[in-house]
PDB file of all heavy atoms in Angstrom:
ATOM      1  N   PHE A   1      88.122 131.002   3.925  1.00  0.00           N
ATOM      2  CA  PHE A   1      89.453 130.408   3.979  1.00  0.00           C
ATOM      3  C   PHE A   1      90.055 130.403   5.379  1.00  0.00           C
ATOM      4  O   PHE A   1      91.214 129.992   5.536  1.00  0.00           O
ATOM      5  CB  PHE A   1      90.387 131.146   3.011  1.00  0.00           C
ATOM      6  CG  PHE A   1      90.116 130.827   1.568  1.00  0.00           C
ATOM      7  CD1 PHE A   1      89.351 131.681   0.794  1.00  0.00           C
ATOM      8  CD2 PHE A   1      90.595 129.660   0.991  1.00  0.00           C
ATOM      9  CE1 PHE A   1      89.078 131.388  -0.536  1.00  0.00           C
ATOM     10  CE2 PHE A   1      90.336 129.356  -0.332  1.00  0.00           C
ATOM     11  CZ  PHE A   1      89.571 130.217  -1.103  1.00  0.00           C
ATOM     12  N   LEU A   2      89.298 130.830   6.383  1.00  0.00           N
ATOM     13  CA  LEU A   2      89.835 130.819   7.742  1.00  0.00           C
ATOM     14  C   LEU A   2      90.172 129.404   8.214  1.00  0.00           C
ATOM     15  O   LEU A   2      91.203 129.182   8.863  1.00  0.00           O
ATOM     16  CB  LEU A   2      88.836 131.456   8.706  1.00  0.00           C
ATOM     17  CG  LEU A   2      89.046 132.941   8.983  1.00  0.00           C
ATOM     18  CD1 LEU A   2      87.861 133.513   9.738  1.00  0.00           C
ATOM     19  CD2 LEU A   2      90.318 133.177   9.764  1.00  0.00           C
ATOM     20  N   LEU A   3      89.311 128.456   7.898  1.00  0.00           N
ATOM     21  CA  LEU A   3      89.576 127.090   8.323  1.00  0.00           C
ATOM     22  C   LEU A   3      90.831 126.547   7.662  1.00  0.00           C
ATOM     23  O   LEU A   3      91.645 125.864   8.291  1.00  0.00           O
ATOM     24  CB  LEU A   3      88.373 126.205   8.003  1.00  0.00           C
ATOM     25  CG  LEU A   3      87.087 126.546   8.767  1.00  0.00           C
ATOM     26  CD1 LEU A   3      85.943 125.671   8.287  1.00  0.00           C
ATOM     27  CD2 LEU A   3      87.296 126.376  10.262  1.00  0.00           C
ATOM     28  N   LEU A   4      90.990 126.851   6.365  1.00  0.00           N
ATOM     29  CA  LEU A   4      92.202 126.427   5.671  1.00  0.00           C
ATOM     30  C   LEU A   4      93.415 127.143   6.263  1.00  0.00           C
ATOM     31  O   LEU A   4      94.494 126.555   6.410  1.00  0.00           O
ATOM     32  CB  LEU A   4      92.089 126.727   4.176  1.00  0.00           C
ATOM     33  CG  LEU A   4      93.248 126.248   3.297  1.00  0.00           C
ATOM     34  CD1 LEU A   4      93.402 124.735   3.397  1.00  0.00           C
ATOM     35  CD2 LEU A   4      93.034 126.666   1.855  1.00  0.00           C
ATOM     36  N   GLY A   5      93.259 128.415   6.612  1.00  0.00           N
ATOM     37  CA  GLY A   5      94.353 129.144   7.245  1.00  0.00           C
ATOM     38  C   GLY A   5      94.737 128.538   8.579  1.00  0.00           C
ATOM     39  O   GLY A   5      95.926 128.410   8.910  1.00  0.00           O
ATOM     40  N   GLY A   6      93.744 128.152   9.371  1.00  0.00           N
ATOM     41  CA  GLY A   6      94.029 127.511  10.647  1.00  0.00           C
ATOM     42  C   GLY A   6      94.733 126.181  10.479  1.00  0.00           C
ATOM     43  O   GLY A   6      95.679 125.858  11.204  1.00  0.00           O
ATOM     44  N   ARG A   7      94.293 125.392   9.494  1.00  0.00           N
ATOM     45  CA  ARG A   7      94.941 124.107   9.241  1.00  0.00           C
ATOM     46  C   ARG A   7      96.363 124.312   8.727  1.00  0.00           C
ATOM     47  O   ARG A   7      97.295 123.611   9.109  1.00  0.00           O
ATOM     48  CB  ARG A   7      94.114 123.304   8.229  1.00  0.00           C
ATOM     49  CG  ARG A   7      94.692 121.926   7.894  1.00  0.00           C
ATOM     50  CD  ARG A   7      94.877 121.068   9.130  1.00  0.00           C
ATOM     51  NE  ARG A   7      93.613 120.795   9.777  1.00  0.00           N
ATOM     52  CZ  ARG A   7      93.486 120.383  11.029  1.00  0.00           C
ATOM     53  NH1 ARG A   7      94.566 120.241  11.775  1.00  0.00           N
ATOM     54  NH2 ARG A   7      92.311 120.139  11.557  1.00  0.00           N
ATOM     55  N   ALA A   8      96.551 125.306   7.836  1.00  0.00           N
ATOM     56  CA  ALA A   8      97.890 125.582   7.322  1.00  0.00           C
ATOM     57  C   ALA A   8      98.830 125.984   8.456  1.00  0.00           C
ATOM     58  O   ALA A   8     100.011 125.597   8.471  1.00  0.00           O
ATOM     59  CB  ALA A   8      97.832 126.684   6.267  1.00  0.00           C
ATOM     60  N   ALA A   9      98.326 126.766   9.418  1.00  0.00           N
ATOM     61  CA  ALA A   9      99.152 127.163  10.557  1.00  0.00           C
ATOM     62  C   ALA A   9      99.593 125.949  11.362  1.00  0.00           C
ATOM     63  O   ALA A   9     100.740 125.863  11.816  1.00  0.00           O
ATOM     64  CB  ALA A   9      98.391 128.147  11.449  1.00  0.00           C
ATOM     65  N   ASP A  10      98.697 124.982  11.537  1.00  0.00           N
ATOM     66  CA  ASP A  10      99.036 123.784  12.297  1.00  0.00           C
ATOM     67  C   ASP A  10     100.024 122.895  11.543  1.00  0.00           C
ATOM     68  O   ASP A  10     100.870 122.240  12.147  1.00  0.00           O
ATOM     69  CB  ASP A  10      97.770 122.983  12.620  1.00  0.00           C
ATOM     70  CG  ASP A  10      96.891 123.678  13.653  1.00  0.00           C
ATOM     71  OD1 ASP A  10      97.436 124.490  14.427  1.00  0.00           O
ATOM     72  OD2 ASP A  10      95.682 123.425  13.667  1.00  0.00           O
ATOM     73  N   LEU A  11      99.924 122.852  10.210  1.00  0.00           N
ATOM     74  CA  LEU A  11     100.746 121.937   9.417  1.00  0.00           C
ATOM     75  C   LEU A  11     102.086 122.532   9.011  1.00  0.00           C
ATOM     76  O   LEU A  11     103.101 121.835   8.961  1.00  0.00           O
ATOM     77  CB  LEU A  11      99.972 121.500   8.169  1.00  0.00           C
ATOM     78  CG  LEU A  11      98.687 120.695   8.395  1.00  0.00           C
ATOM     79  CD1 LEU A  11      98.027 120.355   7.067  1.00  0.00           C
ATOM     80  CD2 LEU A  11      98.960 119.425   9.188  1.00  0.00           C
ATOM     81  N   LEU A  12     102.108 123.817   8.658  1.00  0.00           N
ATOM     82  CA  LEU A  12     103.317 124.437   8.118  1.00  0.00           C
ATOM     83  C   LEU A  12     104.142 125.175   9.161  1.00  0.00           C
ATOM     84  O   LEU A  12     105.287 125.561   8.889  1.00  0.00           O
ATOM     85  CB  LEU A  12     102.952 125.404   6.989  1.00  0.00           C
ATOM     86  CG  LEU A  12     102.325 124.774   5.741  1.00  0.00           C
ATOM     87  CD1 LEU A  12     101.939 125.860   4.748  1.00  0.00           C
ATOM     88  CD2 LEU A  12     103.271 123.778   5.101  1.00  0.00           C
ATOM     89  N   GLY A  13     103.561 125.425  10.309  1.00  0.00           N
ATOM     90  CA  GLY A  13     104.255 126.197  11.333  1.00  0.00           C
ATOM     91  C   GLY A  13     103.615 127.563  11.484  1.00  0.00           C
ATOM     92  O   GLY A  13     103.338 128.246  10.493  1.00  0.00           O
ATOM     93  N   HIS A  14     103.371 127.965  12.712  1.00  0.00           N
ATOM     94  CA  HIS A  14     102.619 129.189  12.974  1.00  0.00           C
ATOM     95  C   HIS A  14     103.357 130.436  12.499  1.00  0.00           C
ATOM     96  O   HIS A  14     102.759 131.338  11.913  1.00  0.00           O
ATOM     97  CB  HIS A  14     102.313 129.294  14.475  1.00  0.00           C
ATOM     98  CG  HIS A  14     101.515 128.136  14.998  1.00  0.00           C
ATOM     99  ND1 HIS A  14     101.578 127.708  16.306  1.00  0.00           N
ATOM    100  CD2 HIS A  14     100.649 127.309  14.375  1.00  0.00           C
ATOM    101  CE1 HIS A  14     100.775 126.673  16.465  1.00  0.00           C
ATOM    102  NE2 HIS A  14     100.201 126.403  15.323  1.00  0.00           N
ATOM    103  N   ARG A  15     104.677 130.509  12.756  1.00  0.00           N
ATOM    104  CA  ARG A  15     105.410 131.708  12.363  1.00  0.00           C
ATOM    105  C   ARG A  15     105.437 131.862  10.853  1.00  0.00           C
ATOM    106  O   ARG A  15     105.236 132.967  10.323  1.00  0.00           O
ATOM    107  CB  ARG A  15     106.843 131.675  12.904  1.00  0.00           C
ATOM    108  CG  ARG A  15     107.596 132.981  12.637  1.00  0.00           C
ATOM    109  CD  ARG A  15     109.014 132.954  13.136  1.00  0.00           C
ATOM    110  NE  ARG A  15     109.888 132.154  12.284  1.00  0.00           N
ATOM    111  CZ  ARG A  15     111.216 132.092  12.440  1.00  0.00           C
ATOM    112  NH1 ARG A  15     111.800 132.759  13.425  1.00  0.00           N
ATOM    113  NH2 ARG A  15     111.951 131.349  11.644  1.00  0.00           N
ATOM    114  N   ARG A  16     105.694 130.783  10.128  1.00  0.00           N
ATOM    115  CA  ARG A  16     105.778 130.853   8.671  1.00  0.00           C
ATOM    116  C   ARG A  16     104.471 131.335   8.070  1.00  0.00           C
ATOM    117  O   ARG A  16     104.444 132.218   7.207  1.00  0.00           O
ATOM    118  CB  ARG A  16     106.136 129.473   8.115  1.00  0.00           C
ATOM    119  CG  ARG A  16     106.238 129.422   6.605  1.00  0.00           C
ATOM    120  CD  ARG A  16     106.516 128.016   6.119  1.00  0.00           C
ATOM    121  NE  ARG A  16     107.772 127.510   6.678  1.00  0.00           N
ATOM    122  CZ  ARG A  16     108.214 126.262   6.480  1.00  0.00           C
ATOM    123  NH1 ARG A  16     107.482 125.411   5.775  1.00  0.00           N
ATOM    124  NH2 ARG A  16     109.362 125.881   6.984  1.00  0.00           N
ATOM    125  N   VAL A  17     103.373 130.783   8.533  1.00  0.00           N
ATOM    126  CA  VAL A  17     102.067 131.169   8.000  1.00  0.00           C
ATOM    127  C   VAL A  17     101.737 132.615   8.376  1.00  0.00           C
ATOM    128  O   VAL A  17     101.180 133.371   7.567  1.00  0.00           O
ATOM    129  CB  VAL A  17     100.986 130.194   8.521  1.00  0.00           C
ATOM    130  CG1 VAL A  17      99.590 130.698   8.190  1.00  0.00           C
ATOM    131  CG2 VAL A  17     101.202 128.808   7.915  1.00  0.00           C
ATOM    132  N   PHE A  18     102.078 133.012   9.573  1.00  0.00           N
ATOM    133  CA  PHE A  18     101.841 134.389  10.020  1.00  0.00           C
ATOM    134  C   PHE A  18     102.565 135.387   9.110  1.00  0.00           C
ATOM    135  O   PHE A  18     101.983 136.382   8.664  1.00  0.00           O
ATOM    136  CB  PHE A  18     102.318 134.537  11.468  1.00  0.00           C
ATOM    137  CG  PHE A  18     102.151 135.910  12.051  1.00  0.00           C
ATOM    138  CD1 PHE A  18     100.973 136.276  12.671  1.00  0.00           C
ATOM    139  CD2 PHE A  18     103.184 136.834  11.983  1.00  0.00           C
ATOM    140  CE1 PHE A  18     100.829 137.543  13.228  1.00  0.00           C
ATOM    141  CE2 PHE A  18     103.046 138.107  12.528  1.00  0.00           C
ATOM    142  CZ  PHE A  18     101.858 138.459  13.154  1.00  0.00           C
ATOM    143  N   VAL A  19     103.842 135.130   8.828  1.00  0.00           N
ATOM    144  CA  VAL A  19     104.634 136.041   7.996  1.00  0.00           C
ATOM    145  C   VAL A  19     104.069 136.118   6.577  1.00  0.00           C
ATOM    146  O   VAL A  19     103.901 137.209   6.015  1.00  0.00           O
ATOM    147  CB  VAL A  19     106.109 135.603   7.973  1.00  0.00           C
ATOM    148  CG1 VAL A  19     106.895 136.393   6.926  1.00  0.00           C
ATOM    149  CG2 VAL A  19     106.740 135.789   9.348  1.00  0.00           C
ATOM    150  N   VAL A  20     103.749 134.980   5.988  1.00  0.00           N
ATOM    151  CA  VAL A  20     103.186 134.973   4.624  1.00  0.00           C
ATOM    152  C   VAL A  20     101.867 135.734   4.584  1.00  0.00           C
ATOM    153  O   VAL A  20     101.600 136.515   3.667  1.00  0.00           O
ATOM    154  CB  VAL A  20     103.002 133.521   4.134  1.00  0.00           C
ATOM    155  CG1 VAL A  20     102.197 133.493   2.829  1.00  0.00           C
ATOM    156  CG2 VAL A  20     104.352 132.856   3.914  1.00  0.00           C
ATOM    157  N   GLY A  21     101.034 135.525   5.591  1.00  0.00           N
ATOM    158  CA  GLY A  21      99.743 136.217   5.627  1.00  0.00           C
ATOM    159  C   GLY A  21      99.894 137.721   5.747  1.00  0.00           C
ATOM    160  O   GLY A  21      99.183 138.485   5.082  1.00  0.00           O
ATOM    161  N   MET A  22     100.822 138.182   6.569  1.00  0.00           N
ATOM    162  CA  MET A  22     101.042 139.623   6.725  1.00  0.00           C
ATOM    163  C   MET A  22     101.532 140.252   5.422  1.00  0.00           C
ATOM    164  O   MET A  22     101.086 141.346   5.034  1.00  0.00           O
ATOM    165  CB  MET A  22     102.055 139.883   7.843  1.00  0.00           C
ATOM    166  CG  MET A  22     101.563 139.516   9.238  1.00  0.00           C
ATOM    167  SD  MET A  22     100.204 140.555   9.832  1.00  0.00           S
ATOM    168  CE  MET A  22     101.114 141.998  10.396  1.00  0.00           C
ATOM    169  N   LEU A  23     102.423 139.575   4.720  1.00  0.00           N
ATOM    170  CA  LEU A  23     102.927 140.105   3.446  1.00  0.00           C
ATOM    171  C   LEU A  23     101.839 140.109   2.388  1.00  0.00           C
ATOM    172  O   LEU A  23     101.729 141.057   1.589  1.00  0.00           O
ATOM    173  CB  LEU A  23     104.132 139.280   2.986  1.00  0.00           C
ATOM    174  CG  LEU A  23     105.380 139.367   3.875  1.00  0.00           C
ATOM    175  CD1 LEU A  23     106.478 138.434   3.354  1.00  0.00           C
ATOM    176  CD2 LEU A  23     105.901 140.802   3.952  1.00  0.00           C
ATOM    177  N   LEU A  24     101.014 139.059   2.343  1.00  0.00           N
ATOM    178  CA  LEU A  24      99.915 139.013   1.377  1.00  0.00           C
ATOM    179  C   LEU A  24      98.915 140.126   1.657  1.00  0.00           C
ATOM    180  O   LEU A  24      98.420 140.792   0.729  1.00  0.00           O
ATOM    181  CB  LEU A  24      99.222 137.647   1.450  1.00  0.00           C
ATOM    182  CG  LEU A  24      98.050 137.407   0.499  1.00  0.00           C
ATOM    183  CD1 LEU A  24      98.510 137.499  -0.949  1.00  0.00           C
ATOM    184  CD2 LEU A  24      97.406 136.041   0.779  1.00  0.00           C
ATOM    185  N   PHE A  25      98.622 140.360   2.930  1.00  0.00           N
ATOM    186  CA  PHE A  25      97.692 141.407   3.318  1.00  0.00           C
ATOM    187  C   PHE A  25      98.213 142.776   2.908  1.00  0.00           C
ATOM    188  O   PHE A  25      97.475 143.608   2.368  1.00  0.00           O
ATOM    189  CB  PHE A  25      97.477 141.360   4.836  1.00  0.00           C
ATOM    190  CG  PHE A  25      96.261 142.075   5.324  1.00  0.00           C
ATOM    191  CD1 PHE A  25      95.085 141.392   5.538  1.00  0.00           C
ATOM    192  CD2 PHE A  25      96.291 143.442   5.573  1.00  0.00           C
ATOM    193  CE1 PHE A  25      93.954 142.054   6.002  1.00  0.00           C
ATOM    194  CE2 PHE A  25      95.176 144.113   6.025  1.00  0.00           C
ATOM    195  CZ  PHE A  25      93.996 143.418   6.234  1.00  0.00           C
ATOM    196  N   ALA A  26      99.507 143.015   3.140  1.00  0.00           N
ATOM    197  CA  ALA A  26     100.103 144.299   2.784  1.00  0.00           C
ATOM    198  C   ALA A  26     100.079 144.515   1.274  1.00  0.00           C
ATOM    199  O   ALA A  26      99.762 145.610   0.795  1.00  0.00           O
ATOM    200  CB  ALA A  26     101.534 144.369   3.309  1.00  0.00           C
TER     201      ALA A  26
END
């Protein structure tokens, strides 16, 4: 899912995707 994560970061905004990913990881 890294490629999808990279595409999501480009489409949805880097900060938004970063925050969601950190919360999901936690």
